Amino acid sequence: MSHFGRSGPPDIRDTFSLLVLNISFRTTADDLYPLFERYGKVVDVFIPRDRRTGDSRGFAFVRYKYADEAQKAIDRLDGRNVDGRNIMVQFAKYGPNAEPIHGIAEC
């Protein structure tokens, strides 16, 4: 579930998405939001869940409005210990502002 609750998904066009790996299974979007908000305007925090169990899948997406703020979060938070685990933070490889994947035919 998104940090922003049931009000519907935010408009993520023209945002910069970070992939946050190795979060603990008990870490919530509400835990991550204040941590990432220190570095800029967070548009959304989303933790994918297992469809059958509803449990966290151990990673999250954090979306920023501005690329420089997303980069600052990567620089400051990659490798940081959060909830007992060292998280990895990087730009998501897929999404509206991701670099194209070379070698894959376009439709």
PDB file of N, CA and C in Angstrom:
ATOM      1  N   MET A   1       0.835  -1.184   0.000  1.00  0.00           N
ATOM      2  CA  MET A   1       0.000   0.000   0.000  1.00  0.00           C
ATOM      3  C   MET A   1       0.877   1.243   0.000  1.00  0.00           C
ATOM      4  N   SER A   2       0.393   2.250  -0.604  1.00  0.00           N
ATOM      5  CA  SER A   2       1.074   3.526  -0.684  1.00  0.00           C
ATOM      6  C   SER A   2       1.020   4.248   0.663  1.00  0.00           C
ATOM      7  N   HIS A   3       1.988   5.085   0.884  1.00  0.00           N
ATOM      8  CA  HIS A   3       1.998   5.927   2.080  1.00  0.00           C
ATOM      9  C   HIS A   3       0.769   6.831   2.110  1.00  0.00           C
ATOM     10  N   PHE A   4       0.235   7.135   0.943  1.00  0.00           N
ATOM     11  CA  PHE A   4      -0.838   8.100   0.852  1.00  0.00           C
ATOM     12  C   PHE A   4      -2.225   7.484   1.011  1.00  0.00           C
ATOM     13  N   GLY A   5      -2.265   6.209   1.389  1.00  0.00           N
ATOM     14  CA  GLY A   5      -3.517   5.581   1.793  1.00  0.00           C
ATOM     15  C   GLY A   5      -4.465   5.266   0.661  1.00  0.00           C
ATOM     16  N   ARG A   6      -5.737   5.323   0.963  1.00  0.00           N
ATOM     17  CA  ARG A   6      -6.768   4.881   0.027  1.00  0.00           C
ATOM     18  C   ARG A   6      -7.333   6.021  -0.819  1.00  0.00           C
ATOM     19  N   SER A   7      -6.712   7.168  -0.815  1.00  0.00           N
ATOM     20  CA  SER A   7      -7.225   8.285  -1.599  1.00  0.00           C
ATOM     21  C   SER A   7      -6.931   8.107  -3.081  1.00  0.00           C
ATOM     22  N   GLY A   8      -6.357   6.985  -3.441  1.00  0.00           N
ATOM     23  CA  GLY A   8      -6.028   6.733  -4.831  1.00  0.00           C
ATOM     24  C   GLY A   8      -4.569   7.037  -5.099  1.00  0.00           C
ATOM     25  N   PRO A   9      -4.050   6.480  -6.172  1.00  0.00           N
ATOM     26  CA  PRO A   9      -2.636   6.698  -6.456  1.00  0.00           C
ATOM     27  C   PRO A   9      -2.376   8.137  -6.875  1.00  0.00           C
ATOM     28  N   PRO A  10      -1.227   8.665  -6.502  1.00  0.00           N
ATOM     29  CA  PRO A  10      -0.876  10.021  -6.916  1.00  0.00           C
ATOM     30  C   PRO A  10      -0.519  10.031  -8.400  1.00  0.00           C
ATOM     31  N   ASP A  11      -0.506  11.187  -8.980  1.00  0.00           N
ATOM     32  CA  ASP A  11      -0.084  11.341 -10.365  1.00  0.00           C
ATOM     33  C   ASP A  11       1.430  11.191 -10.402  1.00  0.00           C
ATOM     34  N   ILE A  12       1.918  10.109 -11.019  1.00  0.00           N
ATOM     35  CA  ILE A  12       3.358   9.847 -11.011  1.00  0.00           C
ATOM     36  C   ILE A  12       4.032  10.216 -12.326  1.00  0.00           C
ATOM     37  N   ARG A  13       3.274  10.827 -13.232  1.00  0.00           N
ATOM     38  CA  ARG A  13       3.924  11.308 -14.453  1.00  0.00           C
ATOM     39  C   ARG A  13       4.948  12.357 -14.064  1.00  0.00           C
ATOM     40  N   ASP A  14       6.041  12.372 -14.785  1.00  0.00           N
ATOM     41  CA  ASP A  14       7.106  13.340 -14.531  1.00  0.00           C
ATOM     42  C   ASP A  14       7.667  13.245 -13.115  1.00  0.00           C
ATOM     43  N   THR A  15       7.773  12.017 -12.609  1.00  0.00           N
ATOM     44  CA  THR A  15       8.421  11.789 -11.318  1.00  0.00           C
ATOM     45  C   THR A  15       9.639  10.910 -11.537  1.00  0.00           C
ATOM     46  N   PHE A  16      10.457  10.808 -10.515  1.00  0.00           N
ATOM     47  CA  PHE A  16      11.691  10.023 -10.568  1.00  0.00           C
ATOM     48  C   PHE A  16      11.604   8.945  -9.501  1.00  0.00           C
ATOM     49  N   SER A  17      11.618   7.703  -9.960  1.00  0.00           N
ATOM     50  CA  SER A  17      11.350   6.570  -9.082  1.00  0.00           C
ATOM     51  C   SER A  17      12.643   5.913  -8.615  1.00  0.00           C
ATOM     52  N   LEU A  18      12.717   5.707  -7.311  1.00  0.00           N
ATOM     53  CA  LEU A  18      13.838   4.991  -6.714  1.00  0.00           C
ATOM     54  C   LEU A  18      13.380   3.602  -6.309  1.00  0.00           C
ATOM     55  N   LEU A  19      14.264   2.646  -6.496  1.00  0.00           N
ATOM     56  CA  LEU A  19      14.048   1.283  -6.025  1.00  0.00           C
ATOM     57  C   LEU A  19      14.821   1.142  -4.725  1.00  0.00           C
ATOM     58  N   VAL A  20      14.136   0.707  -3.678  1.00  0.00           N
ATOM     59  CA  VAL A  20      14.753   0.528  -2.368  1.00  0.00           C
ATOM     60  C   VAL A  20      14.721  -0.969  -2.068  1.00  0.00           C
ATOM     61  N   LEU A  21      15.890  -1.590  -2.082  1.00  0.00           N
ATOM     62  CA  LEU A  21      16.007  -3.036  -1.886  1.00  0.00           C
ATOM     63  C   LEU A  21      16.421  -3.367  -0.465  1.00  0.00           C
ATOM     64  N   ASN A  22      16.100  -4.592  -0.048  1.00  0.00           N
ATOM     65  CA  ASN A  22      16.527  -5.155   1.228  1.00  0.00           C
ATOM     66  C   ASN A  22      15.861  -4.509   2.436  1.00  0.00           C
ATOM     67  N   ILE A  23      14.613  -4.047   2.263  1.00  0.00           N
ATOM     68  CA  ILE A  23      13.902  -3.544   3.449  1.00  0.00           C
ATOM     69  C   ILE A  23      13.391  -4.748   4.235  1.00  0.00           C
ATOM     70  N   SER A  24      13.234  -4.564   5.518  1.00  0.00           N
ATOM     71  CA  SER A  24      12.712  -5.662   6.327  1.00  0.00           C
ATOM     72  C   SER A  24      11.238  -5.874   5.988  1.00  0.00           C
ATOM     73  N   PHE A  25      10.749  -7.063   6.265  1.00  0.00           N
ATOM     74  CA  PHE A  25       9.362  -7.377   5.948  1.00  0.00           C
ATOM     75  C   PHE A  25       8.374  -6.649   6.854  1.00  0.00           C
ATOM     76  N   ARG A  26       8.874  -6.042   7.921  1.00  0.00           N
ATOM     77  CA  ARG A  26       7.981  -5.289   8.811  1.00  0.00           C
ATOM     78  C   ARG A  26       8.034  -3.777   8.546  1.00  0.00           C
ATOM     79  N   THR A  27       8.938  -3.321   7.681  1.00  0.00           N
ATOM     80  CA  THR A  27       9.038  -1.906   7.350  1.00  0.00           C
ATOM     81  C   THR A  27       7.813  -1.479   6.546  1.00  0.00           C
ATOM     82  N   THR A  28       7.242  -0.329   6.907  1.00  0.00           N
ATOM     83  CA  THR A  28       6.049   0.175   6.232  1.00  0.00           C
ATOM     84  C   THR A  28       6.383   1.440   5.435  1.00  0.00           C
ATOM     85  N   ALA A  29       5.450   1.835   4.581  1.00  0.00           N
ATOM     86  CA  ALA A  29       5.592   3.089   3.844  1.00  0.00           C
ATOM     87  C   ALA A  29       5.673   4.259   4.815  1.00  0.00           C
ATOM     88  N   ASP A  30       4.935   4.166   5.917  1.00  0.00           N
ATOM     89  CA  ASP A  30       4.985   5.230   6.928  1.00  0.00           C
ATOM     90  C   ASP A  30       6.352   5.315   7.603  1.00  0.00           C
ATOM     91  N   ASP A  31       7.092   4.218   7.626  1.00  0.00           N
ATOM     92  CA  ASP A  31       8.457   4.238   8.159  1.00  0.00           C
ATOM     93  C   ASP A  31       9.415   4.897   7.177  1.00  0.00           C
ATOM     94  N   LEU A  32       9.233   4.602   5.900  1.00  0.00           N
ATOM     95  CA  LEU A  32      10.156   5.096   4.874  1.00  0.00           C
ATOM     96  C   LEU A  32       9.931   6.562   4.525  1.00  0.00           C
ATOM     97  N   TYR A  33       8.683   6.999   4.537  1.00  0.00           N
ATOM     98  CA  TYR A  33       8.372   8.360   4.100  1.00  0.00           C
ATOM     99  C   TYR A  33       9.193   9.442   4.814  1.00  0.00           C
ATOM    100  N   PRO A  34       9.229   9.488   6.143  1.00  0.00           N
ATOM    101  CA  PRO A  34       9.996  10.558   6.795  1.00  0.00           C
ATOM    102  C   PRO A  34      11.499  10.466   6.532  1.00  0.00           C
ATOM    103  N   LEU A  35      11.997   9.270   6.345  1.00  0.00           N
ATOM    104  CA  LEU A  35      13.415   9.077   6.054  1.00  0.00           C
ATOM    105  C   LEU A  35      13.772   9.695   4.702  1.00  0.00           C
ATOM    106  N   PHE A  36      12.947   9.445   3.689  1.00  0.00           N
ATOM    107  CA  PHE A  36      13.217   9.947   2.344  1.00  0.00           C
ATOM    108  C   PHE A  36      12.805  11.403   2.177  1.00  0.00           C
ATOM    109  N   GLU A  37      11.818  11.841   2.920  1.00  0.00           N
ATOM    110  CA  GLU A  37      11.334  13.216   2.824  1.00  0.00           C
ATOM    111  C   GLU A  37      12.413  14.240   3.203  1.00  0.00           C
ATOM    112  N   ARG A  38      13.379  13.818   3.975  1.00  0.00           N
ATOM    113  CA  ARG A  38      14.474  14.724   4.375  1.00  0.00           C
ATOM    114  C   ARG A  38      15.237  15.269   3.175  1.00  0.00           C
ATOM    115  N   TYR A  39      15.143  14.583   2.041  1.00  0.00           N
ATOM    116  CA  TYR A  39      15.965  14.943   0.886  1.00  0.00           C
ATOM    117  C   TYR A  39      15.177  15.565  -0.247  1.00  0.00           C
ATOM    118  N   GLY A  40      13.866  15.757  -0.060  1.00  0.00           N
ATOM    119  CA  GLY A  40      13.086  16.429  -1.088  1.00  0.00           C
ATOM    120  C   GLY A  40      11.620  16.048  -1.072  1.00  0.00           C
ATOM    121  N   LYS A  41      10.920  16.491  -2.110  1.00  0.00           N
ATOM    122  CA  LYS A  41       9.472  16.301  -2.244  1.00  0.00           C
ATOM    123  C   LYS A  41       9.151  14.874  -2.681  1.00  0.00           C
ATOM    124  N   VAL A  42       8.709  14.057  -1.724  1.00  0.00           N
ATOM    125  CA  VAL A  42       8.330  12.678  -2.010  1.00  0.00           C
ATOM    126  C   VAL A  42       6.887  12.681  -2.503  1.00  0.00           C
ATOM    127  N   VAL A  43       6.672  12.111  -3.689  1.00  0.00           N
ATOM    128  CA  VAL A  43       5.348  12.040  -4.280  1.00  0.00           C
ATOM    129  C   VAL A  43       4.605  10.800  -3.793  1.00  0.00           C
ATOM    130  N   ASP A  44       5.341   9.685  -3.610  1.00  0.00           N
ATOM    131  CA  ASP A  44       4.703   8.440  -3.195  1.00  0.00           C
ATOM    132  C   ASP A  44       5.740   7.466  -2.660  1.00  0.00           C
ATOM    133  N   VAL A  45       5.307   6.603  -1.753  1.00  0.00           N
ATOM    134  CA  VAL A  45       6.099   5.468  -1.274  1.00  0.00           C
ATOM    135  C   VAL A  45       5.202   4.243  -1.434  1.00  0.00           C
ATOM    136  N   PHE A  46       5.701   3.235  -2.138  1.00  0.00           N
ATOM    137  CA  PHE A  46       4.899   2.043  -2.401  1.00  0.00           C
ATOM    138  C   PHE A  46       5.715   0.790  -2.088  1.00  0.00           C
ATOM    139  N   ILE A  47       5.141  -0.084  -1.274  1.00  0.00           N
ATOM    140  CA  ILE A  47       5.774  -1.369  -0.962  1.00  0.00           C
ATOM    141  C   ILE A  47       4.905  -2.468  -1.569  1.00  0.00           C
ATOM    142  N   PRO A  48       5.395  -3.137  -2.620  1.00  0.00           N
ATOM    143  CA  PRO A  48       4.618  -4.232  -3.219  1.00  0.00           C
ATOM    144  C   PRO A  48       4.389  -5.358  -2.211  1.00  0.00           C
ATOM    145  N   ARG A  49       3.224  -5.968  -2.306  1.00  0.00           N
ATOM    146  CA  ARG A  49       2.833  -7.050  -1.403  1.00  0.00           C
ATOM    147  C   ARG A  49       2.590  -8.330  -2.184  1.00  0.00           C
ATOM    148  N   ASP A  50       2.824  -9.451  -1.537  1.00  0.00           N
ATOM    149  CA  ASP A  50       2.516 -10.756  -2.110  1.00  0.00           C
ATOM    150  C   ASP A  50       0.997 -10.854  -2.264  1.00  0.00           C
ATOM    151  N   ARG A  51       0.532 -11.263  -3.420  1.00  0.00           N
ATOM    152  CA  ARG A  51      -0.919 -11.298  -3.670  1.00  0.00           C
ATOM    153  C   ARG A  51      -1.657 -12.308  -2.813  1.00  0.00           C
ATOM    154  N   ARG A  52      -1.006 -13.403  -2.497  1.00  0.00           N
ATOM    155  CA  ARG A  52      -1.673 -14.434  -1.700  1.00  0.00           C
ATOM    156  C   ARG A  52      -1.638 -14.145  -0.212  1.00  0.00           C
ATOM    157  N   THR A  53      -0.472 -13.734   0.289  1.00  0.00           N
ATOM    158  CA  THR A  53      -0.322 -13.577   1.735  1.00  0.00           C
ATOM    159  C   THR A  53      -0.503 -12.142   2.221  1.00  0.00           C
ATOM    160  N   GLY A  54      -0.292 -11.173   1.343  1.00  0.00           N
ATOM    161  CA  GLY A  54      -0.353  -9.774   1.753  1.00  0.00           C
ATOM    162  C   GLY A  54       0.918  -9.289   2.416  1.00  0.00           C
ATOM    163  N   ASP A  55       1.933 -10.160   2.513  1.00  0.00           N
ATOM    164  CA  ASP A  55       3.202  -9.789   3.136  1.00  0.00           C
ATOM    165  C   ASP A  55       4.049  -8.939   2.191  1.00  0.00           C
ATOM    166  N   SER A  56       4.889  -8.108   2.777  1.00  0.00           N
ATOM    167  CA  SER A  56       5.838  -7.318   2.006  1.00  0.00           C
ATOM    168  C   SER A  56       6.731  -8.240   1.187  1.00  0.00           C
ATOM    169  N   ARG A  57       7.132  -7.764   0.019  1.00  0.00           N
ATOM    170  CA  ARG A  57       8.048  -8.535  -0.824  1.00  0.00           C
ATOM    171  C   ARG A  57       9.504  -8.120  -0.585  1.00  0.00           C
ATOM    172  N   GLY A  58       9.746  -7.203   0.351  1.00  0.00           N
ATOM    173  CA  GLY A  58      11.111  -6.857   0.749  1.00  0.00           C
ATOM    174  C   GLY A  58      11.763  -5.745  -0.045  1.00  0.00           C
ATOM    175  N   PHE A  59      10.965  -5.008  -0.823  1.00  0.00           N
ATOM    176  CA  PHE A  59      11.494  -3.848  -1.531  1.00  0.00           C
ATOM    177  C   PHE A  59      10.402  -2.795  -1.645  1.00  0.00           C
ATOM    178  N   ALA A  60      10.806  -1.590  -2.033  1.00  0.00           N
ATOM    179  CA  ALA A  60       9.865  -0.480  -2.130  1.00  0.00           C
ATOM    180  C   ALA A  60      10.238   0.421  -3.293  1.00  0.00           C
ATOM    181  N   PHE A  61       9.280   1.258  -3.675  1.00  0.00           N
ATOM    182  CA  PHE A  61       9.528   2.325  -4.641  1.00  0.00           C
ATOM    183  C   PHE A  61       9.225   3.643  -3.957  1.00  0.00           C
ATOM    184  N   VAL A  62      10.142   4.591  -4.103  1.00  0.00           N
ATOM    185  CA  VAL A  62       9.945   5.936  -3.566  1.00  0.00           C
ATOM    186  C   VAL A  62      10.035   6.877  -4.759  1.00  0.00           C
ATOM    187  N   ARG A  63       9.020   7.714  -4.931  1.00  0.00           N
ATOM    188  CA  ARG A  63       8.993   8.609  -6.083  1.00  0.00           C
ATOM    189  C   ARG A  63       9.178  10.054  -5.634  1.00  0.00           C
ATOM    190  N   TYR A  64      10.094  10.730  -6.330  1.00  0.00           N
ATOM    191  CA  TYR A  64      10.378  12.138  -6.081  1.00  0.00           C
ATOM    192  C   TYR A  64       9.903  12.977  -7.249  1.00  0.00           C
ATOM    193  N   LYS A  65       9.609  14.219  -6.972  1.00  0.00           N
ATOM    194  CA  LYS A  65       9.217  15.170  -8.014  1.00  0.00           C
ATOM    195  C   LYS A  65      10.432  15.621  -8.821  1.00  0.00           C
ATOM    196  N   TYR A  66      11.602  15.703  -8.194  1.00  0.00           N
ATOM    197  CA  TYR A  66      12.782  16.263  -8.861  1.00  0.00           C
ATOM    198  C   TYR A  66      13.954  15.283  -8.835  1.00  0.00           C
ATOM    199  N   ALA A  67      14.644  15.190  -9.966  1.00  0.00           N
ATOM    200  CA  ALA A  67      15.754  14.246 -10.116  1.00  0.00           C
ATOM    201  C   ALA A  67      16.893  14.528  -9.142  1.00  0.00           C
ATOM    202  N   ASP A  68      17.210  15.804  -8.912  1.00  0.00           N
ATOM    203  CA  ASP A  68      18.333  16.115  -8.025  1.00  0.00           C
ATOM    204  C   ASP A  68      18.027  15.696  -6.585  1.00  0.00           C
ATOM    205  N   GLU A  69      16.774  15.774  -6.180  1.00  0.00           N
ATOM    206  CA  GLU A  69      16.403  15.338  -4.831  1.00  0.00           C
ATOM    207  C   GLU A  69      16.475  13.817  -4.727  1.00  0.00           C
ATOM    208  N   ALA A  70      16.057  13.128  -5.783  1.00  0.00           N
ATOM    209  CA  ALA A  70      16.160  11.665  -5.805  1.00  0.00           C
ATOM    210  C   ALA A  70      17.630  11.247  -5.728  1.00  0.00           C
ATOM    211  N   GLN A  71      18.485  11.931  -6.456  1.00  0.00           N
ATOM    212  CA  GLN A  71      19.912  11.609  -6.427  1.00  0.00           C
ATOM    213  C   GLN A  71      20.506  11.856  -5.042  1.00  0.00           C
ATOM    214  N   LYS A  72      20.076  12.921  -4.395  1.00  0.00           N
ATOM    215  CA  LYS A  72      20.556  13.213  -3.039  1.00  0.00           C
ATOM    216  C   LYS A  72      20.158  12.086  -2.080  1.00  0.00           C
ATOM    217  N   ALA A  73      18.933  11.576  -2.227  1.00  0.00           N
ATOM    218  CA  ALA A  73      18.480  10.461  -1.381  1.00  0.00           C
ATOM    219  C   ALA A  73      19.335   9.219  -1.621  1.00  0.00           C
ATOM    220  N   ILE A  74      19.658   8.944  -2.872  1.00  0.00           N
ATOM    221  CA  ILE A  74      20.528   7.806  -3.184  1.00  0.00           C
ATOM    222  C   ILE A  74      21.883   7.989  -2.503  1.00  0.00           C
ATOM    223  N   ASP A  75      22.457   9.170  -2.673  1.00  0.00           N
ATOM    224  CA  ASP A  75      23.783   9.441  -2.106  1.00  0.00           C
ATOM    225  C   ASP A  75      23.804   9.296  -0.589  1.00  0.00           C
ATOM    226  N   ARG A  76      22.740   9.696   0.078  1.00  0.00           N
ATOM    227  CA  ARG A  76      22.717   9.699   1.542  1.00  0.00           C
ATOM    228  C   ARG A  76      22.191   8.402   2.162  1.00  0.00           C
ATOM    229  N   LEU A  77      21.324   7.679   1.430  1.00  0.00           N
ATOM    230  CA  LEU A  77      20.652   6.535   2.050  1.00  0.00           C
ATOM    231  C   LEU A  77      21.135   5.169   1.568  1.00  0.00           C
ATOM    232  N   ASP A  78      21.786   5.097   0.427  1.00  0.00           N
ATOM    233  CA  ASP A  78      22.259   3.803  -0.060  1.00  0.00           C
ATOM    234  C   ASP A  78      23.261   3.218   0.935  1.00  0.00           C
ATOM    235  N   GLY A  79      22.994   2.015   1.404  1.00  0.00           N
ATOM    236  CA  GLY A  79      23.853   1.349   2.375  1.00  0.00           C
ATOM    237  C   GLY A  79      23.512   1.637   3.828  1.00  0.00           C
ATOM    238  N   ARG A  80      22.554   2.511   4.048  1.00  0.00           N
ATOM    239  CA  ARG A  80      22.177   2.883   5.424  1.00  0.00           C
ATOM    240  C   ARG A  80      21.383   1.760   6.094  1.00  0.00           C
ATOM    241  N   ASN A  81      21.572   1.620   7.392  1.00  0.00           N
ATOM    242  CA  ASN A  81      20.844   0.616   8.160  1.00  0.00           C
ATOM    243  C   ASN A  81      19.465   1.171   8.514  1.00  0.00           C
ATOM    244  N   VAL A  82      18.431   0.476   8.058  1.00  0.00           N
ATOM    245  CA  VAL A  82      17.051   0.858   8.333  1.00  0.00           C
ATOM    246  C   VAL A  82      16.330  -0.378   8.853  1.00  0.00           C
ATOM    247  N   ASP A  83      15.813  -0.301  10.042  1.00  0.00           N
ATOM    248  CA  ASP A  83      15.044  -1.391  10.633  1.00  0.00           C
ATOM    249  C   ASP A  83      15.863  -2.691  10.677  1.00  0.00           C
ATOM    250  N   GLY A  84      17.157  -2.531  10.967  1.00  0.00           N
ATOM    251  CA  GLY A  84      18.027  -3.693  11.130  1.00  0.00           C
ATOM    252  C   GLY A  84      18.637  -4.255   9.857  1.00  0.00           C
ATOM    253  N   ARG A  85      18.398  -3.590   8.709  1.00  0.00           N
ATOM    254  CA  ARG A  85      18.941  -4.091   7.447  1.00  0.00           C
ATOM    255  C   ARG A  85      19.590  -2.950   6.675  1.00  0.00           C
ATOM    256  N   ASN A  86      20.664  -3.261   5.958  1.00  0.00           N
ATOM    257  CA  ASN A  86      21.314  -2.266   5.109  1.00  0.00           C
ATOM    258  C   ASN A  86      20.572  -2.202   3.783  1.00  0.00           C
ATOM    259  N   ILE A  87      19.923  -1.062   3.547  1.00  0.00           N
ATOM    260  CA  ILE A  87      19.134  -0.919   2.328  1.00  0.00           C
ATOM    261  C   ILE A  87      20.022  -0.520   1.151  1.00  0.00           C
ATOM    262  N   MET A  88      19.563  -0.854  -0.044  1.00  0.00           N
ATOM    263  CA  MET A  88      20.209  -0.419  -1.277  1.00  0.00           C
ATOM    264  C   MET A  88      19.218   0.494  -1.982  1.00  0.00           C
ATOM    265  N   VAL A  89      19.681   1.664  -2.397  1.00  0.00           N
ATOM    266  CA  VAL A  89      18.813   2.647  -3.040  1.00  0.00           C
ATOM    267  C   VAL A  89      19.418   3.013  -4.382  1.00  0.00           C
ATOM    268  N   GLN A  90      18.593   2.918  -5.436  1.00  0.00           N
ATOM    269  CA  GLN A  90      19.052   3.237  -6.791  1.00  0.00           C
ATOM    270  C   GLN A  90      17.865   3.716  -7.608  1.00  0.00           C
ATOM    271  N   PHE A  91      18.162   4.364  -8.736  1.00  0.00           N
ATOM    272  CA  PHE A  91      17.068   4.721  -9.636  1.00  0.00           C
ATOM    273  C   PHE A  91      16.440   3.444 -10.152  1.00  0.00           C
ATOM    274  N   ALA A  92      15.105   3.410 -10.209  1.00  0.00           N
ATOM    275  CA  ALA A  92      14.398   2.253 -10.761  1.00  0.00           C
ATOM    276  C   ALA A  92      14.715   2.171 -12.247  1.00  0.00           C
ATOM    277  N   LYS A  93      14.908   0.971 -12.739  1.00  0.00           N
ATOM    278  CA  LYS A  93      15.282   0.791 -14.135  1.00  0.00           C
ATOM    279  C   LYS A  93      14.087   0.847 -15.078  1.00  0.00           C
ATOM    280  N   TYR A  94      12.878   0.719 -14.539  1.00  0.00           N
ATOM    281  CA  TYR A  94      11.668   0.777 -15.350  1.00  0.00           C
ATOM    282  C   TYR A  94      10.775   1.874 -14.808  1.00  0.00           C
ATOM    283  N   GLY A  95      10.087   2.545 -15.664  1.00  0.00           N
ATOM    284  CA  GLY A  95       9.183   3.599 -15.222  1.00  0.00           C
ATOM    285  C   GLY A  95       9.188   4.739 -16.205  1.00  0.00           C
ATOM    286  N   PRO A  96       8.434   5.787 -15.890  1.00  0.00           N
ATOM    287  CA  PRO A  96       8.242   6.864 -16.851  1.00  0.00           C
ATOM    288  C   PRO A  96       9.516   7.611 -17.229  1.00  0.00           C
ATOM    289  N   ASN A  97      10.499   7.687 -16.348  1.00  0.00           N
ATOM    290  CA  ASN A  97      11.715   8.445 -16.659  1.00  0.00           C
ATOM    291  C   ASN A  97      12.963   7.567 -16.685  1.00  0.00           C
ATOM    292  N   ALA A  98      12.789   6.253 -16.803  1.00  0.00           N
ATOM    293  CA  ALA A  98      13.927   5.347 -16.832  1.00  0.00           C
ATOM    294  C   ALA A  98      14.590   5.389 -18.203  1.00  0.00           C
ATOM    295  N   GLU A  99      15.863   5.048 -18.227  1.00  0.00           N
ATOM    296  CA  GLU A  99      16.565   4.957 -19.496  1.00  0.00           C
ATOM    297  C   GLU A  99      16.018   3.766 -20.273  1.00  0.00           C
ATOM    298  N   PRO A 100      15.975   3.866 -21.609  1.00  0.00           N
ATOM    299  CA  PRO A 100      15.480   2.724 -22.388  1.00  0.00           C
ATOM    300  C   PRO A 100      16.397   1.524 -22.238  1.00  0.00           C
ATOM    301  N   ILE A 101      15.805   0.345 -22.355  1.00  0.00           N
ATOM    302  CA  ILE A 101      16.574  -0.888 -22.278  1.00  0.00           C
ATOM    303  C   ILE A 101      17.017  -1.243 -23.676  1.00  0.00           C
ATOM    304  N   HIS A 102      18.328  -1.300 -23.888  1.00  0.00           N
ATOM    305  CA  HIS A 102      18.863  -1.588 -25.204  1.00  0.00           C
ATOM    306  C   HIS A 102      18.763  -3.073 -25.505  1.00  0.00           C
ATOM    307  N   GLY A 103      18.493  -3.411 -26.768  1.00  0.00           N
ATOM    308  CA  GLY A 103      18.442  -4.805 -27.173  1.00  0.00           C
ATOM    309  C   GLY A 103      17.058  -5.403 -27.133  1.00  0.00           C
ATOM    310  N   ILE A 104      16.074  -4.632 -26.711  1.00  0.00           N
ATOM    311  CA  ILE A 104      14.700  -5.135 -26.693  1.00  0.00           C
ATOM    312  C   ILE A 104      13.932  -4.413 -27.795  1.00  0.00           C
ATOM    313  N   ALA A 105      13.323  -5.194 -28.661  1.00  0.00           N
ATOM    314  CA  ALA A 105      12.569  -4.624 -29.767  1.00  0.00           C
ATOM    315  C   ALA A 105      11.362  -3.863 -29.236  1.00  0.00           C
ATOM    316  N   GLU A 106      11.132  -2.702 -29.801  1.00  0.00           N
ATOM    317  CA  GLU A 106       9.973  -1.912 -29.388  1.00  0.00           C
ATOM    318  C   GLU A 106       8.772  -2.339 -30.201  1.00  0.00           C
ATOM    319  N   CYS A 107       7.611  -2.280 -29.604  1.00  0.00           N
ATOM    320  CA  CYS A 107       6.370  -2.662 -30.289  1.00  0.00           C
ATOM    321  C   CYS A 107       5.887  -1.577 -31.187  1.00  0.00           C
TER     322      CYS A 107
END
